[in-house]
Amino acid sequence: MLNAKVIGHTTSTVKHPSMNGWKLLVVQPLTPDQKPDGDPVVAIDTLGAGVGDNVMISSDGKFTAATLKTKATPVRWSIIGIFDPEQKI
């Protein structure tokens, strides 16, 4: 699991069937002191996050497959939590 910030969204007209109906967000993984950590990644949004939100992302394949209700999916990252904006991380 990683802390990340939602920096944008993306759309796709052609995608794997397991991704149909899911919102795709561009997230920037962060270090513990809130600095960028590597390149941004695309994550499936399961909770309704938006641009500017601090989120927790996971690359747990079993969780993602269960969420998308499929055994085979190319999805690597999914948003599993949204941090309270009033609380310091």
Protein backbone atom coordinates (compact mmCIF):
# COMPACT_ATOMS: atom_id res chain seq x y z
CA MET A 1 0.00 0.00 0.00
CA LEU A 2 1.17 3.49 -0.82
CA ASN A 3 0.08 7.01 -0.02
CA ALA A 4 -0.68 8.96 -3.21
CA LYS A 5 -2.30 12.16 -4.47
CA VAL A 6 -4.88 12.19 -7.26
CA ILE A 7 -3.49 14.49 -9.95
CA GLY A 8 -5.89 13.83 -12.81
CA HIS A 9 -8.22 11.43 -14.56
CA THR A 10 -8.04 9.53 -17.80
CA THR A 11 -10.48 7.97 -20.22
CA SER A 12 -10.21 5.10 -22.63
CA THR A 13 -12.50 4.15 -25.47
CA VAL A 14 -10.87 0.75 -25.89
CA LYS A 15 -9.97 -1.19 -22.77
CA HIS A 16 -10.00 -4.63 -21.22
CA PRO A 17 -13.59 -5.78 -20.49
CA SER A 18 -12.84 -5.99 -16.75
CA MET A 19 -12.34 -2.20 -16.71
CA ASN A 20 -15.72 -1.26 -18.20
CA GLY A 21 -17.68 1.09 -15.96
CA TRP A 22 -14.79 1.99 -13.64
CA LYS A 23 -13.33 5.48 -13.20
CA LEU A 24 -9.60 5.69 -13.95
CA LEU A 25 -7.53 8.23 -12.01
CA VAL A 26 -3.92 9.33 -12.40
CA VAL A 27 -2.23 9.24 -9.00
CA GLN A 28 1.21 10.33 -7.87
CA PRO A 29 2.75 8.01 -5.24
CA LEU A 30 4.21 10.01 -2.33
CA THR A 31 6.99 9.52 0.21
CA PRO A 32 6.11 9.74 3.92
CA ASP A 33 7.00 13.45 3.81
CA GLN A 34 4.56 14.02 0.89
CA LYS A 35 7.14 14.34 -1.91
CA PRO A 36 6.64 12.62 -5.28
CA ASP A 37 7.95 9.05 -5.31
CA GLY A 38 8.47 7.84 -8.88
CA ASP A 39 6.22 8.27 -11.87
CA PRO A 40 2.43 8.74 -11.69
CA VAL A 41 0.30 5.61 -12.19
CA VAL A 42 -3.27 4.91 -13.29
CA ALA A 43 -5.54 3.44 -10.61
CA ILE A 44 -9.09 2.14 -10.63
CA ASP A 45 -11.26 4.30 -8.37
CA THR A 46 -13.48 2.18 -6.15
CA LEU A 47 -14.47 4.92 -3.68
CA GLY A 48 -15.27 8.15 -5.51
CA ALA A 49 -11.98 10.00 -5.08
CA GLY A 50 -11.34 13.21 -6.98
CA VAL A 51 -8.48 15.39 -8.15
CA GLY A 52 -6.55 16.75 -5.16
CA ASP A 53 -7.54 13.95 -2.77
CA ASN A 54 -4.90 12.09 -0.81
CA VAL A 55 -5.57 8.38 -1.22
CA MET A 56 -4.16 4.99 -0.36
CA ILE A 57 -3.42 2.75 -3.34
CA SER A 58 -2.71 -0.95 -3.47
CA SER A 59 -1.27 -3.30 -6.06
CA ASP A 60 -2.89 -6.35 -4.41
CA GLY A 61 -4.05 -8.38 -7.39
CA LYS A 62 -6.52 -10.52 -5.43
CA PHE A 63 -8.29 -7.46 -4.01
CA THR A 64 -8.48 -5.86 -7.44
CA ALA A 65 -9.76 -9.04 -9.10
CA ALA A 66 -12.41 -9.43 -6.40
CA THR A 67 -13.46 -5.78 -6.73
CA LEU A 68 -13.75 -6.04 -10.51
CA LYS A 69 -15.44 -9.46 -10.18
CA THR A 70 -13.03 -11.19 -12.55
CA LYS A 71 -10.15 -13.64 -12.35
CA ALA A 72 -8.14 -11.97 -15.12
CA THR A 73 -7.52 -8.24 -15.35
CA PRO A 74 -4.58 -6.08 -16.42
CA VAL A 75 -5.34 -3.59 -13.63
CA ARG A 76 -2.37 -3.13 -11.31
CA TRP A 77 -3.38 -0.31 -8.95
CA SER A 78 -6.64 0.41 -7.14
CA ILE A 79 -7.66 3.11 -4.69
CA ILE A 80 -8.56 1.52 -1.37
CA GLY A 81 -8.88 4.56 0.89
CA ILE A 82 -9.36 8.32 0.93
CA PHE A 83 -7.67 10.32 3.66
CA ASP A 84 -9.73 12.86 5.60
CA PRO A 85 -8.69 16.31 4.31
CA GLU A 86 -8.94 17.74 7.83
CA GLN A 87 -6.43 15.25 9.23
CA LYS A 88 -2.66 15.54 8.83
CA ILE A 89 -1.03 12.56 7.13
